[in-house]
Amino acid sequence: MIDEKLGFLIYTFTTILVVVSPISGVVTFISLTSEMTNEKKNEIAKKSVTIACFIALLFAITGKMMLNLFSISVDSLRVAGGILLFSISFDMMNAKVARGNITEEEISRSQEREDIWIFPIGLPLLTGPGTISTVIVLMGGAQNIEQKIMVIASIILTFVVCSCVFLFSRSIHKLIGHNGMLVFTRLMGLLLAALAVHLTATGIINIFKITV
């Protein structure tokens, strides 16, 4: 029983971490905060991670209610989320480090604003459609209160990791280098593609079982 609980916690944490992929967002974060002091950059990092974590928790807690409101099953969301994650993973495997459909023009414009911790860092860089659909699916697939608490704990733990990554983003970038970032992004893209296939296949199989 303990092994099953630990296995579920590891599964939910790694799934959310791969989808959020904070290392892949380091280049974009550095680009947006390049002209800021370390103190200001750290403030932006803390704020952006906090708002992203809040959004993820909000959708995790209210996601089931939203699905019921629109008469959407969890398995339908699994299929849709899987397709969405696969499109994101395709961009990552092509080493597009500015994830979440953030263009260079948006990055340039964002540097002139004070609320970049909300957009584009908090949303959609950290908590984009892929993250939102993933946490809703994980929460919807949780079979009891204990597993739901594990999903929430995994979300919080993921954004704790994000906070550490963004706070030390410049050091990480110097250590790994731009090429290292591209390699890591491709690896995360491959893992995300596998996760996307798993979600889509599970959703299709479950929908087929219900209709037969």
C-alpha atoms as a PDB file:
ATOM      1  CA  MET A   1       0.000   0.000   0.000  1.00  0.00           C
ATOM      2  CA  ILE A   2       2.851   2.376   0.860  1.00  0.00           C
ATOM      3  CA  ASP A   3       4.552   1.545  -2.438  1.00  0.00           C
ATOM      4  CA  GLU A   4       1.331   2.296  -4.334  1.00  0.00           C
ATOM      5  CA  LYS A   5       0.963   5.653  -2.567  1.00  0.00           C
ATOM      6  CA  LEU A   6       4.598   6.564  -3.221  1.00  0.00           C
ATOM      7  CA  GLY A   7       4.285   5.424  -6.824  1.00  0.00           C
ATOM      8  CA  PHE A   8       1.205   7.605  -7.369  1.00  0.00           C
ATOM      9  CA  LEU A   9       2.941  10.610  -5.791  1.00  0.00           C
ATOM     10  CA  ILE A  10       6.028  10.137  -7.968  1.00  0.00           C
ATOM     11  CA  TYR A  11       3.838   9.717 -11.069  1.00  0.00           C
ATOM     12  CA  THR A  12       1.827  12.891 -10.444  1.00  0.00           C
ATOM     13  CA  PHE A  13       4.887  14.947  -9.522  1.00  0.00           C
ATOM     14  CA  THR A  14       6.982  13.863 -12.523  1.00  0.00           C
ATOM     15  CA  THR A  15       4.013  14.321 -14.869  1.00  0.00           C
ATOM     16  CA  ILE A  16       3.366  17.896 -13.761  1.00  0.00           C
ATOM     17  CA  LEU A  17       7.097  18.693 -13.673  1.00  0.00           C
ATOM     18  CA  VAL A  18       7.609  17.444 -17.237  1.00  0.00           C
ATOM     19  CA  VAL A  19       4.621  19.449 -18.493  1.00  0.00           C
ATOM     20  CA  VAL A  20       5.702  22.659 -16.724  1.00  0.00           C
ATOM     21  CA  SER A  21       9.387  21.987 -17.590  1.00  0.00           C
ATOM     22  CA  PRO A  22      10.908  24.967 -15.721  1.00  0.00           C
ATOM     23  CA  ILE A  23      14.400  24.472 -17.183  1.00  0.00           C
ATOM     24  CA  SER A  24      12.972  24.912 -20.690  1.00  0.00           C
ATOM     25  CA  GLY A  25      11.537  28.271 -19.644  1.00  0.00           C
ATOM     26  CA  VAL A  26      14.824  29.613 -18.283  1.00  0.00           C
ATOM     27  CA  VAL A  27      15.911  31.210 -21.569  1.00  0.00           C
ATOM     28  CA  THR A  28      12.600  33.063 -21.915  1.00  0.00           C
ATOM     29  CA  PHE A  29      12.716  34.146 -18.269  1.00  0.00           C
ATOM     30  CA  ILE A  30      16.279  35.447 -18.664  1.00  0.00           C
ATOM     31  CA  SER A  31      15.288  37.310 -21.843  1.00  0.00           C
ATOM     32  CA  LEU A  32      12.429  39.008 -20.024  1.00  0.00           C
ATOM     33  CA  THR A  33      14.532  39.960 -16.981  1.00  0.00           C
ATOM     34  CA  SER A  34      17.865  40.648 -18.700  1.00  0.00           C
ATOM     35  CA  GLU A  35      17.870  44.375 -17.883  1.00  0.00           C
ATOM     36  CA  MET A  36      16.761  43.899 -14.269  1.00  0.00           C
ATOM     37  CA  THR A  37      18.864  43.735 -11.120  1.00  0.00           C
ATOM     38  CA  ASN A  38      19.148  40.402  -9.302  1.00  0.00           C
ATOM     39  CA  GLU A  39      16.830  41.700  -6.587  1.00  0.00           C
ATOM     40  CA  LYS A  40      14.136  42.686  -9.096  1.00  0.00           C
ATOM     41  CA  LYS A  41      14.591  39.440 -11.043  1.00  0.00           C
ATOM     42  CA  ASN A  42      14.126  37.389  -7.866  1.00  0.00           C
ATOM     43  CA  GLU A  43      11.009  39.364  -7.006  1.00  0.00           C
ATOM     44  CA  ILE A  44       9.578  38.631 -10.464  1.00  0.00           C
ATOM     45  CA  ALA A  45      10.491  34.940 -10.061  1.00  0.00           C
ATOM     46  CA  LYS A  46       8.682  34.629  -6.728  1.00  0.00           C
ATOM     47  CA  LYS A  47       5.589  36.482  -7.923  1.00  0.00           C
ATOM     48  CA  SER A  48       5.323  34.563 -11.211  1.00  0.00           C
ATOM     49  CA  VAL A  49       5.709  31.162  -9.537  1.00  0.00           C
ATOM     50  CA  THR A  50       3.157  32.107  -6.863  1.00  0.00           C
ATOM     51  CA  ILE A  51       0.499  33.192  -9.385  1.00  0.00           C
ATOM     52  CA  ALA A  52       1.208  30.142 -11.578  1.00  0.00           C
ATOM     53  CA  CYS A  53       0.858  27.795  -8.593  1.00  0.00           C
ATOM     54  CA  PHE A  54      -2.393  29.512  -7.575  1.00  0.00           C
ATOM     55  CA  ILE A  55      -3.837  29.128 -11.100  1.00  0.00           C
ATOM     56  CA  ALA A  56      -2.845  25.444 -11.252  1.00  0.00           C
ATOM     57  CA  LEU A  57      -4.364  24.753  -7.814  1.00  0.00           C
ATOM     58  CA  LEU A  58      -7.523  26.647  -8.741  1.00  0.00           C
ATOM     59  CA  PHE A  59      -8.097  24.539 -11.852  1.00  0.00           C
ATOM     60  CA  ALA A  60      -7.165  21.337 -10.017  1.00  0.00           C
ATOM     61  CA  ILE A  61      -9.760  22.017  -7.315  1.00  0.00           C
ATOM     62  CA  THR A  62     -12.530  23.417  -9.525  1.00  0.00           C
ATOM     63  CA  GLY A  63     -11.751  21.440 -12.692  1.00  0.00           C
ATOM     64  CA  LYS A  64     -14.233  18.630 -12.008  1.00  0.00           C
ATOM     65  CA  MET A  65     -17.008  21.164 -11.434  1.00  0.00           C
ATOM     66  CA  MET A  66     -16.139  22.893 -14.721  1.00  0.00           C
ATOM     67  CA  LEU A  67     -16.223  19.588 -16.589  1.00  0.00           C
ATOM     68  CA  ASN A  68     -19.620  18.753 -15.097  1.00  0.00           C
ATOM     69  CA  LEU A  69     -20.893  22.230 -15.977  1.00  0.00           C
ATOM     70  CA  PHE A  70     -20.089  21.674 -19.657  1.00  0.00           C
ATOM     71  CA  SER A  71     -20.909  17.924 -19.557  1.00  0.00           C
ATOM     72  CA  ILE A  72     -17.343  16.979 -20.475  1.00  0.00           C
ATOM     73  CA  SER A  73     -15.903  13.687 -19.244  1.00  0.00           C
ATOM     74  CA  VAL A  74     -12.395  13.321 -17.841  1.00  0.00           C
ATOM     75  CA  ASP A  75     -11.576  10.896 -20.654  1.00  0.00           C
ATOM     76  CA  SER A  76     -12.598  13.461 -23.280  1.00  0.00           C
ATOM     77  CA  LEU A  77     -10.233  15.913 -21.604  1.00  0.00           C
ATOM     78  CA  ARG A  78      -7.523  13.232 -21.585  1.00  0.00           C
ATOM     79  CA  VAL A  79      -7.789  12.932 -25.371  1.00  0.00           C
ATOM     80  CA  ALA A  80      -7.899  16.701 -25.928  1.00  0.00           C
ATOM     81  CA  GLY A  81      -5.106  17.312 -23.403  1.00  0.00           C
ATOM     82  CA  GLY A  82      -2.984  14.577 -24.967  1.00  0.00           C
ATOM     83  CA  ILE A  83      -3.291  16.141 -28.413  1.00  0.00           C
ATOM     84  CA  LEU A  84      -2.472  19.574 -26.960  1.00  0.00           C
ATOM     85  CA  LEU A  85       0.562  18.239 -25.081  1.00  0.00           C
ATOM     86  CA  PHE A  86       1.789  16.495 -28.219  1.00  0.00           C
ATOM     87  CA  SER A  87       1.722  19.784 -30.142  1.00  0.00           C
ATOM     88  CA  ILE A  88       3.695  21.430 -27.320  1.00  0.00           C
ATOM     89  CA  SER A  89       6.161  18.525 -27.241  1.00  0.00           C
ATOM     90  CA  PHE A  90       6.656  18.844 -31.010  1.00  0.00           C
ATOM     91  CA  ASP A  91       7.752  22.467 -30.550  1.00  0.00           C
ATOM     92  CA  MET A  92      10.050  21.434 -27.687  1.00  0.00           C
ATOM     93  CA  MET A  93      11.654  18.670 -29.762  1.00  0.00           C
ATOM     94  CA  ASN A  94      12.358  21.325 -32.372  1.00  0.00           C
ATOM     95  CA  ALA A  95      14.104  23.247 -29.568  1.00  0.00           C
ATOM     96  CA  LYS A  96      11.668  26.152 -29.465  1.00  0.00           C
ATOM     97  CA  VAL A  97      12.607  27.316 -25.982  1.00  0.00           C
ATOM     98  CA  ALA A  98      10.092  30.199 -25.915  1.00  0.00           C
ATOM     99  CA  ARG A  99       7.193  27.959 -25.000  1.00  0.00           C
ATOM    100  CA  GLY A 100       3.517  28.802 -24.623  1.00  0.00           C
ATOM    101  CA  ASN A 101       3.294  30.546 -28.020  1.00  0.00           C
ATOM    102  CA  ILE A 102       5.300  33.501 -26.712  1.00  0.00           C
ATOM    103  CA  THR A 103       6.748  35.384 -29.666  1.00  0.00           C
ATOM    104  CA  GLU A 104       9.931  37.444 -29.759  1.00  0.00           C
ATOM    105  CA  GLU A 105       7.773  40.541 -30.251  1.00  0.00           C
ATOM    106  CA  GLU A 106       5.825  39.767 -27.076  1.00  0.00           C
ATOM    107  CA  ILE A 107       9.082  39.270 -25.163  1.00  0.00           C
ATOM    108  CA  SER A 108      10.343  42.640 -26.420  1.00  0.00           C
ATOM    109  CA  ARG A 109       7.115  44.414 -25.451  1.00  0.00           C
ATOM    110  CA  SER A 110       6.952  42.674 -22.073  1.00  0.00           C
ATOM    111  CA  GLN A 111      10.320  44.103 -21.025  1.00  0.00           C
ATOM    112  CA  GLU A 112       8.693  47.526 -20.913  1.00  0.00           C
ATOM    113  CA  ARG A 113       5.912  46.416 -18.542  1.00  0.00           C
ATOM    114  CA  GLU A 114       5.834  45.934 -14.777  1.00  0.00           C
ATOM    115  CA  ASP A 115       3.406  43.005 -14.748  1.00  0.00           C
ATOM    116  CA  ILE A 116       5.472  40.456 -16.678  1.00  0.00           C
ATOM    117  CA  TRP A 117       5.212  38.144 -13.666  1.00  0.00           C
ATOM    118  CA  ILE A 118       1.563  37.644 -14.633  1.00  0.00           C
ATOM    119  CA  PHE A 119       1.919  37.619 -18.423  1.00  0.00           C
ATOM    120  CA  PRO A 120       3.795  36.037 -20.047  1.00  0.00           C
ATOM    121  CA  ILE A 121       5.750  34.304 -17.221  1.00  0.00           C
ATOM    122  CA  GLY A 122       3.006  33.147 -14.858  1.00  0.00           C
ATOM    123  CA  LEU A 123       0.605  32.546 -17.716  1.00  0.00           C
ATOM    124  CA  PRO A 124       1.232  30.943 -20.200  1.00  0.00           C
ATOM    125  CA  LEU A 125       4.951  30.122 -19.669  1.00  0.00           C
ATOM    126  CA  LEU A 126       4.482  28.228 -16.383  1.00  0.00           C
ATOM    127  CA  THR A 127       0.749  27.557 -16.319  1.00  0.00           C
ATOM    128  CA  GLY A 128      -0.394  27.208 -19.899  1.00  0.00           C
ATOM    129  CA  PRO A 129      -3.234  25.134 -21.378  1.00  0.00           C
ATOM    130  CA  GLY A 130      -1.104  21.989 -21.152  1.00  0.00           C
ATOM    131  CA  THR A 131      -0.520  22.396 -17.414  1.00  0.00           C
ATOM    132  CA  ILE A 132      -4.158  23.285 -16.746  1.00  0.00           C
ATOM    133  CA  SER A 133      -5.537  20.268 -18.637  1.00  0.00           C
ATOM    134  CA  THR A 134      -2.964  17.974 -16.985  1.00  0.00           C
ATOM    135  CA  VAL A 135      -3.815  18.953 -13.399  1.00  0.00           C
ATOM    136  CA  ILE A 136      -7.553  18.607 -14.131  1.00  0.00           C
ATOM    137  CA  VAL A 137      -7.005  15.130 -15.608  1.00  0.00           C
ATOM    138  CA  LEU A 138      -4.811  14.039 -12.686  1.00  0.00           C
ATOM    139  CA  MET A 139      -7.312  15.327 -10.133  1.00  0.00           C
ATOM    140  CA  GLY A 140     -10.195  13.733 -12.059  1.00  0.00           C
ATOM    141  CA  GLY A 141      -8.358  10.406 -12.095  1.00  0.00           C
ATOM    142  CA  ALA A 142      -7.651  10.478  -8.342  1.00  0.00           C
ATOM    143  CA  GLN A 143      -9.744   7.746  -6.710  1.00  0.00           C
ATOM    144  CA  ASN A 144      -9.894   9.058  -3.146  1.00  0.00           C
ATOM    145  CA  ILE A 145      -9.161  12.084  -0.948  1.00  0.00           C
ATOM    146  CA  GLU A 146      -5.649  10.830  -0.242  1.00  0.00           C
ATOM    147  CA  GLN A 147      -4.743  10.771  -3.929  1.00  0.00           C
ATOM    148  CA  LYS A 148      -6.293  14.210  -4.449  1.00  0.00           C
ATOM    149  CA  ILE A 149      -4.075  15.559  -1.655  1.00  0.00           C
ATOM    150  CA  MET A 150      -1.078  13.962  -3.398  1.00  0.00           C
ATOM    151  CA  VAL A 151      -1.974  15.749  -6.639  1.00  0.00           C
ATOM    152  CA  ILE A 152      -2.181  19.074  -4.796  1.00  0.00           C
ATOM    153  CA  ALA A 153       1.131  18.329  -3.035  1.00  0.00           C
ATOM    154  CA  SER A 154       2.710  17.494  -6.415  1.00  0.00           C
ATOM    155  CA  ILE A 155       1.551  20.824  -7.852  1.00  0.00           C
ATOM    156  CA  ILE A 156       3.021  22.744  -4.913  1.00  0.00           C
ATOM    157  CA  LEU A 157       6.278  20.746  -5.046  1.00  0.00           C
ATOM    158  CA  THR A 158       6.590  21.359  -8.794  1.00  0.00           C
ATOM    159  CA  PHE A 159       6.343  25.113  -8.333  1.00  0.00           C
ATOM    160  CA  VAL A 160       8.815  24.998  -5.453  1.00  0.00           C
ATOM    161  CA  VAL A 161      11.233  23.494  -7.983  1.00  0.00           C
ATOM    162  CA  CYS A 162      10.233  26.222 -10.480  1.00  0.00           C
ATOM    163  CA  SER A 163      10.999  28.878  -7.884  1.00  0.00           C
ATOM    164  CA  CYS A 164      14.479  27.467  -7.262  1.00  0.00           C
ATOM    165  CA  VAL A 165      15.157  27.196 -11.004  1.00  0.00           C
ATOM    166  CA  PHE A 166      14.092  30.793 -11.710  1.00  0.00           C
ATOM    167  CA  LEU A 167      15.909  32.231  -8.690  1.00  0.00           C
ATOM    168  CA  PHE A 168      19.141  30.636  -9.933  1.00  0.00           C
ATOM    169  CA  SER A 169      18.267  30.968 -13.633  1.00  0.00           C
ATOM    170  CA  ARG A 170      21.343  32.987 -14.615  1.00  0.00           C
ATOM    171  CA  SER A 171      23.690  30.581 -12.848  1.00  0.00           C
ATOM    172  CA  ILE A 172      21.946  27.596 -14.455  1.00  0.00           C
ATOM    173  CA  HIS A 173      22.181  29.209 -17.887  1.00  0.00           C
ATOM    174  CA  LYS A 174      25.908  29.857 -17.423  1.00  0.00           C
ATOM    175  CA  LEU A 175      26.461  26.283 -16.206  1.00  0.00           C
ATOM    176  CA  ILE A 176      24.453  24.477 -18.882  1.00  0.00           C
ATOM    177  CA  GLY A 177      24.861  26.982 -21.713  1.00  0.00           C
ATOM    178  CA  HIS A 178      22.487  27.672 -24.578  1.00  0.00           C
ATOM    179  CA  ASN A 179      23.234  24.360 -26.311  1.00  0.00           C
ATOM    180  CA  GLY A 180      22.640  22.508 -23.075  1.00  0.00           C
ATOM    181  CA  MET A 181      19.261  24.206 -22.795  1.00  0.00           C
ATOM    182  CA  LEU A 182      18.360  23.069 -26.310  1.00  0.00           C
ATOM    183  CA  VAL A 183      19.352  19.475 -25.531  1.00  0.00           C
ATOM    184  CA  PHE A 184      17.341  19.501 -22.290  1.00  0.00           C
ATOM    185  CA  THR A 185      14.339  21.005 -24.069  1.00  0.00           C
ATOM    186  CA  ARG A 186      14.424  18.239 -26.679  1.00  0.00           C
ATOM    187  CA  LEU A 187      14.633  15.547 -23.978  1.00  0.00           C
ATOM    188  CA  MET A 188      11.701  17.048 -22.093  1.00  0.00           C
ATOM    189  CA  GLY A 189       9.813  17.258 -25.383  1.00  0.00           C
ATOM    190  CA  LEU A 190      10.347  13.545 -25.960  1.00  0.00           C
ATOM    191  CA  LEU A 191       9.086  12.674 -22.473  1.00  0.00           C
ATOM    192  CA  LEU A 192       6.130  15.001 -22.940  1.00  0.00           C
ATOM    193  CA  ALA A 193       5.289  13.334 -26.267  1.00  0.00           C
ATOM    194  CA  ALA A 194       5.256   9.928 -24.550  1.00  0.00           C
ATOM    195  CA  LEU A 195       2.999  11.323 -21.825  1.00  0.00           C
ATOM    196  CA  ALA A 196       0.707  12.820 -24.473  1.00  0.00           C
ATOM    197  CA  VAL A 197       0.381   9.447 -26.237  1.00  0.00           C
ATOM    198  CA  HIS A 198      -0.391   7.754 -22.897  1.00  0.00           C
ATOM    199  CA  LEU A 199      -3.111  10.277 -22.009  1.00  0.00           C
ATOM    200  CA  THR A 200      -4.702  10.111 -25.472  1.00  0.00           C
ATOM    201  CA  ALA A 201      -4.637   6.309 -25.603  1.00  0.00           C
ATOM    202  CA  THR A 202      -6.084   5.974 -22.087  1.00  0.00           C
ATOM    203  CA  GLY A 203      -8.872   8.428 -22.899  1.00  0.00           C
ATOM    204  CA  ILE A 204      -9.780   6.697 -26.180  1.00  0.00           C
ATOM    205  CA  ILE A 205      -9.782   3.228 -24.567  1.00  0.00           C
ATOM    206  CA  ASN A 206     -11.995   4.374 -21.678  1.00  0.00           C
ATOM    207  CA  ILE A 207     -14.423   6.166 -24.013  1.00  0.00           C
ATOM    208  CA  PHE A 208     -14.596   3.040 -26.192  1.00  0.00           C
ATOM    209  CA  LYS A 209     -15.345   0.854 -23.131  1.00  0.00           C
ATOM    210  CA  ILE A 210     -18.210   3.127 -22.104  1.00  0.00           C
ATOM    211  CA  THR A 211     -19.789   3.252 -25.573  1.00  0.00           C
ATOM    212  CA  VAL A 212     -19.511  -0.519 -26.218  1.00  0.00           C
END
